[in-house]
Amino acid sequence: MAHAPDDHGHVADEDRRDILFLATGAVGAVGVASAVWPLVDQMNPSASVLALSTMEVDISALEPGQEMKVSFLKAPVFIRRMTEEEMEKAAAVDVSAMPDPDPRNPNAAGLVADVNERLIDPARGIIVLSGVCTHLGCVPLGDGAGDYKGWFCPCHGSHYDSLGRIRKGPAPENLPIPVASLDGDILKLG
């Protein structure tokens, strides 16, 4: 359809103007996206961080009653193989009377901090705990320390039992269990 000329003798072509507006908008959107993408992408973890996000530990040499400490993501992790006697004593405790009955175990769906919900491998008595006190972030002493033969934080007097459950002191929660899985004698953290 022909349009009437304006005061200067030019004929307006509205279809051409619409296409120019759309093309300009598309180029602008691509420009903004290409400028924003590096800013968003730099927030992703680096390859070195991703490589450190998992760790495998060989626990084949861990005998009942022994404990080892490893560093995972710059924090201590306690790995212990409990004895039958330790597991029996821990199972006999009334969880509902504890300061924190929550299992704090992302690997299990249990509701209480009993033996089966705190152990990574109940058949072998393997427990894995974050080695950071839940009070102020100190590192508790292990190897049967404290009043409950588990871990003891000497900084402020928190006593944890053999399953890492808080029993006495200012710590508000049980020692958390990190995300872990066991494949034979290889413990995978993360």
Protein backbone atom coordinates (compact mmCIF):
# COMPACT_ATOMS: atom_id res chain seq x y z
CA MET A 1 0.00 0.00 0.00
CA ALA A 2 1.39 3.35 -0.99
CA HIS A 3 1.81 6.05 1.58
CA ALA A 4 1.44 9.78 1.07
CA PRO A 5 4.66 11.80 1.01
CA ASP A 6 5.49 13.93 4.07
CA ASP A 7 6.26 17.71 4.02
CA HIS A 8 9.73 17.05 2.57
CA GLY A 9 8.58 14.70 -0.19
CA HIS A 10 9.67 11.44 1.51
CA VAL A 11 7.43 8.38 1.55
CA ALA A 12 7.42 6.57 4.92
CA ASP A 13 8.11 2.84 4.80
CA GLU A 14 6.75 1.51 8.12
CA ASP A 15 7.61 -2.14 7.37
CA ARG A 16 11.27 -1.25 6.82
CA ARG A 17 11.33 0.79 10.04
CA ASP A 18 9.87 -2.15 12.04
CA ILE A 19 12.54 -4.50 10.68
CA LEU A 20 15.29 -2.02 11.59
CA PHE A 21 13.90 -1.69 15.13
CA LEU A 22 13.80 -5.48 15.55
CA ALA A 23 17.31 -5.93 14.15
CA THR A 24 18.69 -3.20 16.41
CA GLY A 25 16.96 -4.76 19.43
CA ALA A 26 18.32 -8.22 18.60
CA VAL A 27 21.89 -6.93 18.23
CA GLY A 28 21.53 -5.06 21.52
CA ALA A 29 20.26 -8.18 23.32
CA VAL A 30 23.17 -10.25 22.00
CA GLY A 31 25.58 -7.52 23.09
CA VAL A 32 24.15 -7.40 26.62
CA ALA A 33 24.20 -11.20 26.90
CA SER A 34 27.81 -11.40 25.72
CA ALA A 35 28.81 -8.73 28.26
CA VAL A 36 26.93 -10.35 31.17
CA TRP A 37 27.96 -13.98 30.53
CA PRO A 38 31.61 -13.60 31.69
CA LEU A 39 30.39 -12.00 34.91
CA VAL A 40 28.02 -14.91 35.61
CA ASP A 41 30.51 -17.57 34.49
CA GLN A 42 33.26 -16.33 36.79
CA MET A 43 31.05 -17.23 39.78
CA ASN A 44 31.27 -20.96 38.93
CA PRO A 45 33.82 -22.99 40.92
CA SER A 46 37.21 -23.40 39.29
CA ALA A 47 38.50 -26.77 38.05
CA SER A 48 40.81 -27.06 41.07
CA VAL A 49 37.90 -26.57 43.47
CA LEU A 50 35.79 -29.14 41.64
CA ALA A 51 38.67 -31.61 41.80
CA LEU A 52 38.86 -31.17 45.58
CA SER A 53 35.11 -31.53 46.11
CA THR A 54 35.41 -35.30 46.48
CA MET A 55 37.99 -37.45 48.18
CA GLU A 56 38.56 -41.18 48.50
CA VAL A 57 40.04 -42.72 51.64
CA ASP A 58 41.19 -46.33 51.96
CA ILE A 59 39.98 -47.59 55.35
CA SER A 60 41.10 -51.22 54.94
CA ALA A 61 43.75 -50.86 57.67
CA LEU A 62 41.27 -49.45 60.20
CA GLU A 63 40.80 -52.02 62.97
CA PRO A 64 37.93 -51.98 65.51
CA GLY A 65 38.65 -49.29 68.09
CA GLN A 66 40.93 -47.29 65.78
CA GLU A 67 40.38 -43.79 64.48
CA MET A 68 41.92 -41.74 61.71
CA LYS A 69 41.70 -38.06 60.87
CA VAL A 70 41.80 -36.72 57.30
CA SER A 71 41.48 -33.22 55.92
CA PHE A 72 38.61 -32.73 53.49
CA LEU A 73 37.84 -29.27 52.05
CA LYS A 74 40.31 -27.80 54.56
CA ALA A 75 38.38 -29.19 57.54
CA PRO A 76 39.12 -32.23 59.70
CA VAL A 77 37.05 -35.39 59.27
CA PHE A 78 37.11 -38.18 61.86
CA ILE A 79 36.77 -41.78 60.65
CA ARG A 80 36.39 -44.43 63.33
CA ARG A 81 35.70 -48.13 63.37
CA MET A 82 33.79 -48.83 66.56
CA THR A 83 34.11 -52.00 68.62
CA GLU A 84 31.10 -54.22 69.34
CA GLU A 85 31.18 -53.00 72.95
CA GLU A 86 31.13 -49.33 71.86
CA MET A 87 28.17 -49.97 69.56
CA GLU A 88 26.25 -51.82 72.31
CA LYS A 89 26.85 -48.97 74.79
CA ALA A 90 25.82 -46.37 72.21
CA ALA A 91 22.67 -48.33 71.34
CA ALA A 92 21.64 -48.52 75.01
CA VAL A 93 21.44 -44.72 75.36
CA ASP A 94 17.98 -43.09 75.35
CA VAL A 95 18.22 -40.73 72.37
CA SER A 96 15.15 -38.74 73.41
CA ALA A 97 16.97 -37.58 76.57
CA MET A 98 19.89 -36.13 74.59
CA PRO A 99 20.40 -32.42 73.93
CA ASP A 100 20.18 -33.07 70.16
CA PRO A 101 18.23 -36.15 69.02
CA ASP A 102 18.67 -35.26 65.30
CA PRO A 103 20.96 -37.71 63.44
CA ARG A 104 22.58 -34.88 61.38
CA ASN A 105 23.27 -37.44 58.66
CA PRO A 106 22.53 -36.46 55.04
CA ASN A 107 23.21 -40.08 54.01
CA ALA A 108 20.26 -41.48 55.98
CA ALA A 109 16.59 -40.63 56.27
CA GLY A 110 16.24 -41.42 59.97
CA LEU A 111 14.65 -39.20 62.54
CA VAL A 112 16.72 -39.98 65.63
CA ALA A 113 20.44 -40.14 66.34
CA ASP A 114 20.57 -43.88 67.05
CA VAL A 115 23.40 -46.24 66.09
CA ASN A 116 21.98 -47.19 62.68
CA GLU A 117 21.41 -43.57 61.64
CA ARG A 118 24.82 -42.28 62.75
CA LEU A 119 26.99 -45.02 61.25
CA ILE A 120 27.96 -45.07 57.57
CA ASP A 121 28.34 -48.86 57.76
CA PRO A 122 26.48 -50.33 60.78
CA ALA A 123 27.70 -53.87 60.01
CA ARG A 124 31.35 -52.86 60.43
CA GLY A 125 30.81 -49.99 62.87
CA ILE A 126 32.21 -47.27 60.58
CA ILE A 127 31.39 -43.71 61.60
CA VAL A 128 32.46 -40.58 59.72
CA LEU A 129 32.15 -37.19 61.42
CA SER A 130 32.96 -33.59 60.69
CA GLY A 131 35.79 -32.79 63.08
CA VAL A 132 34.55 -29.31 63.95
CA CYS A 133 32.88 -28.62 67.31
CA THR A 134 29.34 -27.33 66.85
CA HIS A 135 29.84 -24.72 69.56
CA LEU A 136 32.51 -22.37 68.20
CA GLY A 137 34.30 -24.40 65.53
CA CYS A 138 37.21 -25.83 67.52
CA VAL A 139 38.64 -29.28 66.73
CA PRO A 140 37.72 -31.80 69.43
CA LEU A 141 40.18 -34.36 70.77
CA GLY A 142 39.36 -37.95 69.80
CA ASP A 143 40.41 -41.51 70.58
CA GLY A 144 37.92 -41.97 73.39
CA ALA A 145 38.37 -38.55 75.00
CA GLY A 146 35.87 -36.94 77.32
CA ASP A 147 33.33 -38.26 79.82
CA TYR A 148 31.56 -40.37 77.18
CA LYS A 149 34.60 -41.98 75.52
CA GLY A 150 34.16 -40.18 72.20
CA TRP A 151 35.39 -36.67 71.49
CA PHE A 152 36.09 -33.80 73.84
CA CYS A 153 36.48 -30.12 72.95
CA PRO A 154 38.79 -28.70 75.64
CA CYS A 155 38.20 -25.09 74.57
CA HIS A 156 34.75 -24.87 76.17
CA GLY A 157 34.10 -28.36 77.58
CA SER A 158 31.80 -30.04 75.06
CA HIS A 159 31.65 -33.83 75.47
CA TYR A 160 30.56 -36.05 72.56
CA ASP A 161 29.95 -39.79 72.81
CA SER A 162 31.36 -42.52 70.54
CA LEU A 163 28.76 -41.65 67.87
CA GLY A 164 29.61 -37.94 67.95
CA ARG A 165 26.38 -37.04 69.76
CA ILE A 166 26.57 -34.07 72.11
CA ARG A 167 26.08 -35.23 75.67
CA LYS A 168 27.38 -32.42 77.87
CA GLY A 169 28.66 -28.87 77.41
CA PRO A 170 27.75 -25.77 75.43
CA ALA A 171 27.70 -27.35 71.94
CA PRO A 172 24.12 -27.19 70.65
CA GLU A 173 24.25 -30.03 68.08
CA ASN A 174 25.76 -33.42 67.35
CA LEU A 175 28.89 -33.52 65.20
CA PRO A 176 27.50 -33.57 61.65
CA ILE A 177 28.16 -36.44 59.29
CA PRO A 178 29.43 -35.35 55.87
CA VAL A 179 28.06 -36.68 52.61
CA ALA A 180 29.84 -40.01 52.25
CA SER A 181 29.49 -43.43 50.70
CA LEU A 182 31.35 -46.66 51.21
CA ASP A 183 32.36 -49.02 48.42
CA GLY A 184 34.14 -51.95 50.05
CA ASP A 185 37.12 -50.41 51.85
CA ILE A 186 37.03 -47.13 49.92
CA LEU A 187 35.25 -44.27 51.66
CA LYS A 188 34.20 -41.51 49.28
CA LEU A 189 33.66 -38.09 50.86
CA GLY A 190 31.63 -35.51 48.97
